[in-house]
Every structure is written in structure tokens, then in C-alpha cells.
Amino acid sequence: MEVIARMVADRPVVIFSRTTCCMSHTIKTLISGFGANPTVYELDEVENGGQIERALQQMGCKVSVPVVFIGQQLIGGPNQVMSLQVRNQLVPLLIRAGAIWL
């Protein structure tokens, strides 16, 4: 879990993804659509992707990807992100994290 903490430190938005996952693409598109520039780690392309995926699951992530951190806080997978969007809470969270300015 320490490796995850280092990867999300000092970054407003981090997405752990896979290049072949359509939900990962959807979440990256949603967040980028608000003007945020998330740091994206493609777990099928990084050297220790399997280790990172296991660490994310140990943190309580139900799905392997996408996993989203906003303001160094674990948000979760696509269901949690979409739930925030439906409740109009995603943009304020991005603003508080310094990911977007309005």
C-alpha cells in the first residue's frame, strides 16, 4: 500500500486503468471532460502492474480497474465515480483537489 501512497502523492487525480478496459476509458473521458488532467497508470503497461492491482484490492477496491483517487483519497471504481457525478458531487470534489478551476 505504500507504493500506492507514493503514486498518488501530490497529484490531484490518479486513475489506475488498463488499456483494454472500456470502463477505464469512460472514467478517464468523464474526468478529462471537466478539464482535469489525471495521472493515469495503465496496469497492463507498468512493470509492477500486478503488484499494484493486488495492493488496490487489499485497500478494498471491489473491481480491479478503473480505480480513482481524487485529492489522494480513494474514491473507488466506476460505480462510485458515476454515483458522485449523478449526485453533482464530482465537480466540487475535483475543484477541492485542485484538479480543475471554475
PDB file of N, CA and C in Angstrom:
ATOM      1  N   MET A   1       0.820  -1.202   0.000  1.00  0.00           N
ATOM      2  CA  MET A   1       0.000   0.000   0.000  1.00  0.00           C
ATOM      3  C   MET A   1       0.861   1.262   0.000  1.00  0.00           C
ATOM      4  N   GLU A   2       2.075   1.115   0.468  1.00  0.00           N
ATOM      5  CA  GLU A   2       2.983   2.253   0.475  1.00  0.00           C
ATOM      6  C   GLU A   2       3.299   2.703  -0.954  1.00  0.00           C
ATOM      7  N   VAL A   3       3.398   1.745  -1.852  1.00  0.00           N
ATOM      8  CA  VAL A   3       3.669   2.089  -3.250  1.00  0.00           C
ATOM      9  C   VAL A   3       2.515   2.900  -3.832  1.00  0.00           C
ATOM     10  N   ILE A   4       1.297   2.571  -3.448  1.00  0.00           N
ATOM     11  CA  ILE A   4       0.118   3.319  -3.913  1.00  0.00           C
ATOM     12  C   ILE A   4       0.175   4.740  -3.372  1.00  0.00           C
ATOM     13  N   ALA A   5       0.493   4.874  -2.094  1.00  0.00           N
ATOM     14  CA  ALA A   5       0.566   6.206  -1.481  1.00  0.00           C
ATOM     15  C   ALA A   5       1.579   7.084  -2.205  1.00  0.00           C
ATOM     16  N   ARG A   6       2.710   6.515  -2.585  1.00  0.00           N
ATOM     17  CA  ARG A   6       3.717   7.288  -3.330  1.00  0.00           C
ATOM     18  C   ARG A   6       3.206   7.672  -4.718  1.00  0.00           C
ATOM     19  N   MET A   7       2.454   6.788  -5.340  1.00  0.00           N
ATOM     20  CA  MET A   7       1.969   7.054  -6.699  1.00  0.00           C
ATOM     21  C   MET A   7       0.899   8.145  -6.734  1.00  0.00           C
ATOM     22  N   VAL A   8       0.129   8.280  -5.662  1.00  0.00           N
ATOM     23  CA  VAL A   8      -0.946   9.279  -5.653  1.00  0.00           C
ATOM     24  C   VAL A   8      -0.541  10.576  -4.958  1.00  0.00           C
ATOM     25  N   ALA A   9       0.605  10.580  -4.289  1.00  0.00           N
ATOM     26  CA  ALA A   9       1.048  11.771  -3.559  1.00  0.00           C
ATOM     27  C   ALA A   9       1.212  12.959  -4.495  1.00  0.00           C
ATOM     28  N   ASP A  10       0.741  14.101  -4.040  1.00  0.00           N
ATOM     29  CA  ASP A  10       0.912  15.368  -4.757  1.00  0.00           C
ATOM     30  C   ASP A  10       0.278  15.389  -6.148  1.00  0.00           C
ATOM     31  N   ARG A  11      -0.695  14.523  -6.380  1.00  0.00           N
ATOM     32  CA  ARG A  11      -1.405  14.519  -7.659  1.00  0.00           C
ATOM     33  C   ARG A  11      -2.901  14.669  -7.380  1.00  0.00           C
ATOM     34  N   PRO A  12      -3.544  15.636  -8.013  1.00  0.00           N
ATOM     35  CA  PRO A  12      -4.964  15.861  -7.716  1.00  0.00           C
ATOM     36  C   PRO A  12      -5.859  14.691  -8.105  1.00  0.00           C
ATOM     37  N   VAL A  13      -5.585  14.065  -9.252  1.00  0.00           N
ATOM     38  CA  VAL A  13      -6.407  12.943  -9.710  1.00  0.00           C
ATOM     39  C   VAL A  13      -5.491  11.856 -10.262  1.00  0.00           C
ATOM     40  N   VAL A  14      -5.691  10.634  -9.768  1.00  0.00           N
ATOM     41  CA  VAL A  14      -4.943   9.479 -10.262  1.00  0.00           C
ATOM     42  C   VAL A  14      -5.951   8.395 -10.617  1.00  0.00           C
ATOM     43  N   ILE A  15      -5.747   7.803 -11.799  1.00  0.00           N
ATOM     44  CA  ILE A  15      -6.605   6.710 -12.249  1.00  0.00           C
ATOM     45  C   ILE A  15      -5.711   5.513 -12.553  1.00  0.00           C
ATOM     46  N   PHE A  16      -6.018   4.393 -11.918  1.00  0.00           N
ATOM     47  CA  PHE A  16      -5.371   3.127 -12.240  1.00  0.00           C
ATOM     48  C   PHE A  16      -6.286   2.436 -13.238  1.00  0.00           C
ATOM     49  N   SER A  17      -5.724   2.057 -14.371  1.00  0.00           N
ATOM     50  CA  SER A  17      -6.515   1.661 -15.521  1.00  0.00           C
ATOM     51  C   SER A  17      -5.868   0.482 -16.232  1.00  0.00           C
ATOM     52  N   ARG A  18      -6.544   0.007 -17.255  1.00  0.00           N
ATOM     53  CA  ARG A  18      -5.990  -0.950 -18.219  1.00  0.00           C
ATOM     54  C   ARG A  18      -6.329  -0.420 -19.605  1.00  0.00           C
ATOM     55  N   THR A  19      -5.409  -0.571 -20.529  1.00  0.00           N
ATOM     56  CA  THR A  19      -5.604  -0.017 -21.873  1.00  0.00           C
ATOM     57  C   THR A  19      -6.795  -0.648 -22.591  1.00  0.00           C
ATOM     58  N   THR A  20      -7.155  -1.865 -22.228  1.00  0.00           N
ATOM     59  CA  THR A  20      -8.228  -2.577 -22.927  1.00  0.00           C
ATOM     60  C   THR A  20      -9.584  -2.496 -22.227  1.00  0.00           C
ATOM     61  N   CYS A  21      -9.678  -1.752 -21.146  1.00  0.00           N
ATOM     62  CA  CYS A  21     -10.911  -1.707 -20.346  1.00  0.00           C
ATOM     63  C   CYS A  21     -11.787  -0.533 -20.781  1.00  0.00           C
ATOM     64  N   CYS A  22     -13.000  -0.845 -21.238  1.00  0.00           N
ATOM     65  CA  CYS A  22     -13.897   0.214 -21.709  1.00  0.00           C
ATOM     66  C   CYS A  22     -14.364   1.114 -20.562  1.00  0.00           C
ATOM     67  N   MET A  23     -14.531   0.571 -19.364  1.00  0.00           N
ATOM     68  CA  MET A  23     -14.941   1.415 -18.231  1.00  0.00           C
ATOM     69  C   MET A  23     -13.814   2.356 -17.827  1.00  0.00           C
ATOM     70  N   SER A  24     -12.586   1.899 -17.937  1.00  0.00           N
ATOM     71  CA  SER A  24     -11.455   2.784 -17.671  1.00  0.00           C
ATOM     72  C   SER A  24     -11.471   3.952 -18.644  1.00  0.00           C
ATOM     73  N   HIS A  25     -11.697   3.661 -19.905  1.00  0.00           N
ATOM     74  CA  HIS A  25     -11.766   4.713 -20.921  1.00  0.00           C
ATOM     75  C   HIS A  25     -12.898   5.696 -20.601  1.00  0.00           C
ATOM     76  N   THR A  26     -14.036   5.177 -20.204  1.00  0.00           N
ATOM     77  CA  THR A  26     -15.195   6.018 -19.880  1.00  0.00           C
ATOM     78  C   THR A  26     -14.900   6.950 -18.721  1.00  0.00           C
ATOM     79  N   ILE A  27     -14.296   6.437 -17.657  1.00  0.00           N
ATOM     80  CA  ILE A  27     -13.998   7.257 -16.481  1.00  0.00           C
ATOM     81  C   ILE A  27     -12.925   8.290 -16.798  1.00  0.00           C
ATOM     82  N   LYS A  28     -11.907   7.901 -17.576  1.00  0.00           N
ATOM     83  CA  LYS A  28     -10.875   8.865 -17.972  1.00  0.00           C
ATOM     84  C   LYS A  28     -11.488   9.983 -18.811  1.00  0.00           C
ATOM     85  N   THR A  29     -12.395   9.622 -19.709  1.00  0.00           N
ATOM     86  CA  THR A  29     -13.061  10.614 -20.560  1.00  0.00           C
ATOM     87  C   THR A  29     -13.937  11.545 -19.732  1.00  0.00           C
ATOM     88  N   LEU A  30     -14.680  10.996 -18.778  1.00  0.00           N
ATOM     89  CA  LEU A  30     -15.551  11.801 -17.919  1.00  0.00           C
ATOM     90  C   LEU A  30     -14.730  12.838 -17.152  1.00  0.00           C
ATOM     91  N   ILE A  31     -13.695  12.394 -16.481  1.00  0.00           N
ATOM     92  CA  ILE A  31     -12.900  13.298 -15.649  1.00  0.00           C
ATOM     93  C   ILE A  31     -12.147  14.308 -16.508  1.00  0.00           C
ATOM     94  N   SER A  32     -11.599  13.872 -17.610  1.00  0.00           N
ATOM     95  CA  SER A  32     -10.897  14.789 -18.513  1.00  0.00           C
ATOM     96  C   SER A  32     -11.857  15.797 -19.135  1.00  0.00           C
ATOM     97  N   GLY A  33     -13.100  15.395 -19.319  1.00  0.00           N
ATOM     98  CA  GLY A  33     -14.106  16.278 -19.900  1.00  0.00           C
ATOM     99  C   GLY A  33     -14.380  17.510 -19.058  1.00  0.00           C
ATOM    100  N   PHE A  34     -14.090  17.458 -17.779  1.00  0.00           N
ATOM    101  CA  PHE A  34     -14.258  18.618 -16.901  1.00  0.00           C
ATOM    102  C   PHE A  34     -13.030  19.522 -16.927  1.00  0.00           C
ATOM    103  N   GLY A  35     -12.005  19.124 -17.660  1.00  0.00           N
ATOM    104  CA  GLY A  35     -10.790  19.923 -17.750  1.00  0.00           C
ATOM    105  C   GLY A  35      -9.667  19.423 -16.866  1.00  0.00           C
ATOM    106  N   ALA A  36      -9.893  18.338 -16.156  1.00  0.00           N
ATOM    107  CA  ALA A  36      -8.843  17.771 -15.300  1.00  0.00           C
ATOM    108  C   ALA A  36      -7.837  17.022 -16.175  1.00  0.00           C
ATOM    109  N   ASN A  37      -6.634  16.938 -15.692  1.00  0.00           N
ATOM    110  CA  ASN A  37      -5.576  16.200 -16.383  1.00  0.00           C
ATOM    111  C   ASN A  37      -5.090  15.099 -15.436  1.00  0.00           C
ATOM    112  N   PRO A  38      -5.828  13.984 -15.378  1.00  0.00           N
ATOM    113  CA  PRO A  38      -5.467  12.953 -14.409  1.00  0.00           C
ATOM    114  C   PRO A  38      -4.154  12.267 -14.748  1.00  0.00           C
ATOM    115  N   THR A  39      -3.469  11.842 -13.703  1.00  0.00           N
ATOM    116  CA  THR A  39      -2.320  10.958 -13.877  1.00  0.00           C
ATOM    117  C   THR A  39      -2.890   9.561 -14.039  1.00  0.00           C
ATOM    118  N   VAL A  40      -2.536   8.904 -15.131  1.00  0.00           N
ATOM    119  CA  VAL A  40      -3.096   7.580 -15.428  1.00  0.00           C
ATOM    120  C   VAL A  40      -1.972   6.554 -15.424  1.00  0.00           C
ATOM    121  N   TYR A  41      -2.185   5.494 -14.655  1.00  0.00           N
ATOM    122  CA  TYR A  41      -1.271   4.362 -14.635  1.00  0.00           C
ATOM    123  C   TYR A  41      -1.980   3.187 -15.299  1.00  0.00           C
ATOM    124  N   GLU A  42      -1.488   2.771 -16.453  1.00  0.00           N
ATOM    125  CA  GLU A  42      -2.044   1.625 -17.162  1.00  0.00           C
ATOM    126  C   GLU A  42      -1.383   0.363 -16.598  1.00  0.00           C
ATOM    127  N   LEU A  43      -2.138  -0.396 -15.818  1.00  0.00           N
ATOM    128  CA  LEU A  43      -1.561  -1.522 -15.091  1.00  0.00           C
ATOM    129  C   LEU A  43      -1.072  -2.629 -16.010  1.00  0.00           C
ATOM    130  N   ASP A  44      -1.554  -2.674 -17.250  1.00  0.00           N
ATOM    131  CA  ASP A  44      -1.057  -3.675 -18.183  1.00  0.00           C
ATOM    132  C   ASP A  44       0.202  -3.202 -18.913  1.00  0.00           C
ATOM    133  N   GLU A  45       0.654  -1.991 -18.599  1.00  0.00           N
ATOM    134  CA  GLU A  45       1.861  -1.457 -19.231  1.00  0.00           C
ATOM    135  C   GLU A  45       2.982  -1.143 -18.248  1.00  0.00           C
ATOM    136  N   VAL A  46       2.650  -0.967 -16.964  1.00  0.00           N
ATOM    137  CA  VAL A  46       3.694  -0.665 -15.983  1.00  0.00           C
ATOM    138  C   VAL A  46       4.323  -1.962 -15.485  1.00  0.00           C
ATOM    139  N   GLU A  47       5.575  -1.859 -15.088  1.00  0.00           N
ATOM    140  CA  GLU A  47       6.356  -3.039 -14.718  1.00  0.00           C
ATOM    141  C   GLU A  47       5.739  -3.844 -13.569  1.00  0.00           C
ATOM    142  N   ASN A  48       5.271  -3.178 -12.549  1.00  0.00           N
ATOM    143  CA  ASN A  48       4.737  -3.869 -11.365  1.00  0.00           C
ATOM    144  C   ASN A  48       3.208  -3.786 -11.297  1.00  0.00           C
ATOM    145  N   GLY A  49       2.550  -3.864 -12.452  1.00  0.00           N
ATOM    146  CA  GLY A  49       1.099  -3.719 -12.517  1.00  0.00           C
ATOM    147  C   GLY A  49       0.331  -4.720 -11.670  1.00  0.00           C
ATOM    148  N   GLY A  50       0.761  -5.969 -11.677  1.00  0.00           N
ATOM    149  CA  GLY A  50       0.087  -6.992 -10.875  1.00  0.00           C
ATOM    150  C   GLY A  50       0.185  -6.711  -9.389  1.00  0.00           C
ATOM    151  N   GLN A  51       1.359  -6.275  -8.949  1.00  0.00           N
ATOM    152  CA  GLN A  51       1.556  -5.933  -7.536  1.00  0.00           C
ATOM    153  C   GLN A  51       0.678  -4.746  -7.157  1.00  0.00           C
ATOM    154  N   ILE A  52       0.599  -3.753  -8.012  1.00  0.00           N
ATOM    155  CA  ILE A  52      -0.236  -2.575  -7.742  1.00  0.00           C
ATOM    156  C   ILE A  52      -1.698  -2.979  -7.659  1.00  0.00           C
ATOM    157  N   GLU A  53      -2.131  -3.831  -8.587  1.00  0.00           N
ATOM    158  CA  GLU A  53      -3.525  -4.284  -8.588  1.00  0.00           C
ATOM    159  C   GLU A  53      -3.873  -5.026  -7.294  1.00  0.00           C
ATOM    160  N   ARG A  54      -2.981  -5.874  -6.838  1.00  0.00           N
ATOM    161  CA  ARG A  54      -3.218  -6.592  -5.570  1.00  0.00           C
ATOM    162  C   ARG A  54      -3.284  -5.625  -4.390  1.00  0.00           C
ATOM    163  N   ALA A  55      -2.417  -4.615  -4.392  1.00  0.00           N
ATOM    164  CA  ALA A  55      -2.432  -3.618  -3.317  1.00  0.00           C
ATOM    165  C   ALA A  55      -3.742  -2.843  -3.320  1.00  0.00           C
ATOM    166  N   LEU A  56      -4.247  -2.499  -4.503  1.00  0.00           N
ATOM    167  CA  LEU A  56      -5.530  -1.792  -4.594  1.00  0.00           C
ATOM    168  C   LEU A  56      -6.659  -2.656  -4.050  1.00  0.00           C
ATOM    169  N   GLN A  57      -6.631  -3.941  -4.349  1.00  0.00           N
ATOM    170  CA  GLN A  57      -7.660  -4.844  -3.830  1.00  0.00           C
ATOM    171  C   GLN A  57      -7.566  -4.963  -2.319  1.00  0.00           C
ATOM    172  N   GLN A  58      -6.358  -4.953  -1.770  1.00  0.00           N
ATOM    173  CA  GLN A  58      -6.185  -5.005  -0.315  1.00  0.00           C
ATOM    174  C   GLN A  58      -6.723  -3.739   0.341  1.00  0.00           C
ATOM    175  N   MET A  59      -6.757  -2.633  -0.423  1.00  0.00           N
ATOM    176  CA  MET A  59      -7.298  -1.374   0.106  1.00  0.00           C
ATOM    177  C   MET A  59      -8.826  -1.369   0.077  1.00  0.00           C
ATOM    178  N   GLY A  60      -9.423  -2.405  -0.508  1.00  0.00           N
ATOM    179  CA  GLY A  60     -10.872  -2.510  -0.512  1.00  0.00           C
ATOM    180  C   GLY A  60     -11.536  -2.268  -1.863  1.00  0.00           C
ATOM    181  N   CYS A  61     -10.757  -2.153  -2.915  1.00  0.00           N
ATOM    182  CA  CYS A  61     -11.340  -1.955  -4.246  1.00  0.00           C
ATOM    183  C   CYS A  61     -12.005  -3.245  -4.697  1.00  0.00           C
ATOM    184  N   LYS A  62     -13.273  -3.153  -5.027  1.00  0.00           N
ATOM    185  CA  LYS A  62     -14.030  -4.332  -5.430  1.00  0.00           C
ATOM    186  C   LYS A  62     -13.705  -4.737  -6.869  1.00  0.00           C
ATOM    187  N   VAL A  63     -13.474  -3.749  -7.716  1.00  0.00           N
ATOM    188  CA  VAL A  63     -13.106  -4.031  -9.100  1.00  0.00           C
ATOM    189  C   VAL A  63     -11.618  -3.751  -9.265  1.00  0.00           C
ATOM    190  N   SER A  64     -11.000  -4.430 -10.235  1.00  0.00           N
ATOM    191  CA  SER A  64      -9.569  -4.220 -10.396  1.00  0.00           C
ATOM    192  C   SER A  64      -9.271  -2.880 -11.061  1.00  0.00           C
ATOM    193  N   VAL A  65     -10.018  -2.502 -12.086  1.00  0.00           N
ATOM    194  CA  VAL A  65      -9.844  -1.210 -12.753  1.00  0.00           C
ATOM    195  C   VAL A  65     -11.185  -0.758 -13.308  1.00  0.00           C
ATOM    196  N   PRO A  66     -11.400   0.505 -13.474  1.00  0.00           N
ATOM    197  CA  PRO A  66     -10.557   1.603 -13.029  1.00  0.00           C
ATOM    198  C   PRO A  66     -10.708   1.849 -11.531  1.00  0.00           C
ATOM    199  N   VAL A  67      -9.647   2.364 -10.944  1.00  0.00           N
ATOM    200  CA  VAL A  67      -9.668   2.794  -9.548  1.00  0.00           C
ATOM    201  C   VAL A  67      -9.233   4.253  -9.540  1.00  0.00           C
ATOM    202  N   VAL A  68     -10.018   5.098  -8.878  1.00  0.00           N
ATOM    203  CA  VAL A  68      -9.800   6.545  -8.926  1.00  0.00           C
ATOM    204  C   VAL A  68      -9.474   7.083  -7.537  1.00  0.00           C
ATOM    205  N   PHE A  69      -8.444   7.926  -7.500  1.00  0.00           N
ATOM    206  CA  PHE A  69      -8.095   8.694  -6.313  1.00  0.00           C
ATOM    207  C   PHE A  69      -8.266  10.166  -6.671  1.00  0.00           C
ATOM    208  N   ILE A  70      -8.935  10.918  -5.827  1.00  0.00           N
ATOM    209  CA  ILE A  70      -9.062  12.364  -6.008  1.00  0.00           C
ATOM    210  C   ILE A  70      -8.592  13.013  -4.718  1.00  0.00           C
ATOM    211  N   GLY A  71      -7.632  13.918  -4.842  1.00  0.00           N
ATOM    212  CA  GLY A  71      -7.069  14.552  -3.654  1.00  0.00           C
ATOM    213  C   GLY A  71      -6.448  13.553  -2.706  1.00  0.00           C
ATOM    214  N   GLN A  72      -5.758  12.561  -3.251  1.00  0.00           N
ATOM    215  CA  GLN A  72      -5.106  11.491  -2.504  1.00  0.00           C
ATOM    216  C   GLN A  72      -6.081  10.614  -1.726  1.00  0.00           C
ATOM    217  N   GLN A  73      -7.370  10.763  -1.961  1.00  0.00           N
ATOM    218  CA  GLN A  73      -8.386   9.958  -1.280  1.00  0.00           C
ATOM    219  C   GLN A  73      -8.923   8.916  -2.256  1.00  0.00           C
ATOM    220  N   LEU A  74      -9.001   7.669  -1.804  1.00  0.00           N
ATOM    221  CA  LEU A  74      -9.566   6.607  -2.624  1.00  0.00           C
ATOM    222  C   LEU A  74     -11.050   6.861  -2.819  1.00  0.00           C
ATOM    223  N   ILE A  75     -11.461   7.044  -4.073  1.00  0.00           N
ATOM    224  CA  ILE A  75     -12.875   7.199  -4.397  1.00  0.00           C
ATOM    225  C   ILE A  75     -13.481   5.837  -4.677  1.00  0.00           C
ATOM    226  N   GLY A  76     -12.772   5.024  -5.443  1.00  0.00           N
ATOM    227  CA  GLY A  76     -13.242   3.686  -5.761  1.00  0.00           C
ATOM    228  C   GLY A  76     -13.263   3.457  -7.255  1.00  0.00           C
ATOM    229  N   GLY A  77     -14.185   2.599  -7.668  1.00  0.00           N
ATOM    230  CA  GLY A  77     -14.299   2.224  -9.061  1.00  0.00           C
ATOM    231  C   GLY A  77     -15.333   3.039  -9.808  1.00  0.00           C
ATOM    232  N   PRO A  78     -15.744   2.539 -10.960  1.00  0.00           N
ATOM    233  CA  PRO A  78     -16.666   3.294 -11.811  1.00  0.00           C
ATOM    234  C   PRO A  78     -18.014   3.561 -11.149  1.00  0.00           C
ATOM    235  N   ASN A  79     -18.522   2.633 -10.372  1.00  0.00           N
ATOM    236  CA  ASN A  79     -19.820   2.862  -9.714  1.00  0.00           C
ATOM    237  C   ASN A  79     -19.755   4.044  -8.756  1.00  0.00           C
ATOM    238  N   GLN A  80     -18.681   4.140  -8.000  1.00  0.00           N
ATOM    239  CA  GLN A  80     -18.547   5.241  -7.050  1.00  0.00           C
ATOM    240  C   GLN A  80     -18.374   6.577  -7.775  1.00  0.00           C
ATOM    241  N   VAL A  81     -17.586   6.579  -8.843  1.00  0.00           N
ATOM    242  CA  VAL A  81     -17.375   7.818  -9.598  1.00  0.00           C
ATOM    243  C   VAL A  81     -18.673   8.268 -10.245  1.00  0.00           C
ATOM    244  N   MET A  82     -19.397   7.339 -10.866  1.00  0.00           N
ATOM    245  CA  MET A  82     -20.657   7.704 -11.523  1.00  0.00           C
ATOM    246  C   MET A  82     -21.704   8.145 -10.497  1.00  0.00           C
ATOM    247  N   SER A  83     -21.688   7.546  -9.326  1.00  0.00           N
ATOM    248  CA  SER A  83     -22.597   7.962  -8.268  1.00  0.00           C
ATOM    249  C   SER A  83     -22.327   9.403  -7.852  1.00  0.00           C
ATOM    250  N   LEU A  84     -21.053   9.756  -7.723  1.00  0.00           N
ATOM    251  CA  LEU A  84     -20.700  11.146  -7.413  1.00  0.00           C
ATOM    252  C   LEU A  84     -21.185  12.078  -8.510  1.00  0.00           C
ATOM    253  N   GLN A  85     -21.031  11.668  -9.763  1.00  0.00           N
ATOM    254  CA  GLN A  85     -21.457  12.504 -10.883  1.00  0.00           C
ATOM    255  C   GLN A  85     -22.970  12.704 -10.873  1.00  0.00           C
ATOM    256  N   VAL A  86     -23.727  11.651 -10.658  1.00  0.00           N
ATOM    257  CA  VAL A  86     -25.189  11.740 -10.642  1.00  0.00           C
ATOM    258  C   VAL A  86     -25.665  12.655  -9.512  1.00  0.00           C
ATOM    259  N   ARG A  87     -24.969  12.639  -8.384  1.00  0.00           N
ATOM    260  CA  ARG A  87     -25.348  13.477  -7.233  1.00  0.00           C
ATOM    261  C   ARG A  87     -24.711  14.867  -7.304  1.00  0.00           C
ATOM    262  N   ASN A  88     -24.103  15.202  -8.452  1.00  0.00           N
ATOM    263  CA  ASN A  88     -23.449  16.507  -8.650  1.00  0.00           C
ATOM    264  C   ASN A  88     -22.368  16.784  -7.612  1.00  0.00           C
ATOM    265  N   GLN A  89     -21.645  15.750  -7.217  1.00  0.00           N
ATOM    266  CA  GLN A  89     -20.581  15.902  -6.229  1.00  0.00           C
ATOM    267  C   GLN A  89     -19.184  15.713  -6.815  1.00  0.00           C
ATOM    268  N   LEU A  90     -19.108  15.270  -8.069  1.00  0.00           N
ATOM    269  CA  LEU A  90     -17.802  15.008  -8.665  1.00  0.00           C
ATOM    270  C   LEU A  90     -17.044  16.302  -8.949  1.00  0.00           C
ATOM    271  N   VAL A  91     -17.692  17.273  -9.576  1.00  0.00           N
ATOM    272  CA  VAL A  91     -17.019  18.535  -9.904  1.00  0.00           C
ATOM    273  C   VAL A  91     -16.541  19.251  -8.640  1.00  0.00           C
ATOM    274  N   PRO A  92     -17.377  19.400  -7.603  1.00  0.00           N
ATOM    275  CA  PRO A  92     -16.857  20.043  -6.389  1.00  0.00           C
ATOM    276  C   PRO A  92     -15.657  19.309  -5.787  1.00  0.00           C
ATOM    277  N   LEU A  93     -15.649  17.997  -5.871  1.00  0.00           N
ATOM    278  CA  LEU A  93     -14.523  17.221  -5.365  1.00  0.00           C
ATOM    279  C   LEU A  93     -13.265  17.503  -6.188  1.00  0.00           C
ATOM    280  N   LEU A  94     -13.415  17.594  -7.502  1.00  0.00           N
ATOM    281  CA  LEU A  94     -12.276  17.919  -8.371  1.00  0.00           C
ATOM    282  C   LEU A  94     -11.755  19.317  -8.097  1.00  0.00           C
ATOM    283  N   ILE A  95     -12.658  20.251  -7.832  1.00  0.00           N
ATOM    284  CA  ILE A  95     -12.256  21.622  -7.525  1.00  0.00           C
ATOM    285  C   ILE A  95     -11.483  21.670  -6.212  1.00  0.00           C
ATOM    286  N   ARG A  96     -12.011  21.010  -5.173  1.00  0.00           N
ATOM    287  CA  ARG A  96     -11.322  20.996  -3.871  1.00  0.00           C
ATOM    288  C   ARG A  96      -9.933  20.376  -3.953  1.00  0.00           C
ATOM    289  N   ALA A  97      -9.778  19.400  -4.855  1.00  0.00           N
ATOM    290  CA  ALA A  97      -8.483  18.733  -5.007  1.00  0.00           C
ATOM    291  C   ALA A  97      -7.509  19.548  -5.859  1.00  0.00           C
ATOM    292  N   GLY A  98      -8.006  20.624  -6.454  1.00  0.00           N
ATOM    293  CA  GLY A  98      -7.146  21.454  -7.311  1.00  0.00           C
ATOM    294  C   GLY A  98      -6.955  20.885  -8.700  1.00  0.00           C
ATOM    295  N   ALA A  99      -7.843  19.980  -9.095  1.00  0.00           N
ATOM    296  CA  ALA A  99      -7.739  19.356 -10.419  1.00  0.00           C
ATOM    297  C   ALA A  99      -8.342  20.228 -11.503  1.00  0.00           C
ATOM    298  N   ILE A 100      -9.326  21.038 -11.139  1.00  0.00           N
ATOM    299  CA  ILE A 100      -9.949  21.965 -12.098  1.00  0.00           C
ATOM    300  C   ILE A 100     -10.212  23.286 -11.397  1.00  0.00           C
ATOM    301  N   TRP A 101     -10.359  24.322 -12.196  1.00  0.00           N
ATOM    302  CA  TRP A 101     -10.664  25.652 -11.694  1.00  0.00           C
ATOM    303  C   TRP A 101     -11.860  26.153 -12.457  1.00  0.00           C
ATOM    304  N   LEU A 102     -12.815  26.699 -11.746  1.00  0.00           N
ATOM    305  CA  LEU A 102     -14.003  27.263 -12.413  1.00  0.00           C
ATOM    306  C   LEU A 102     -14.216  28.687 -11.960  1.00  0.00           C
TER     307      LEU A 102
END
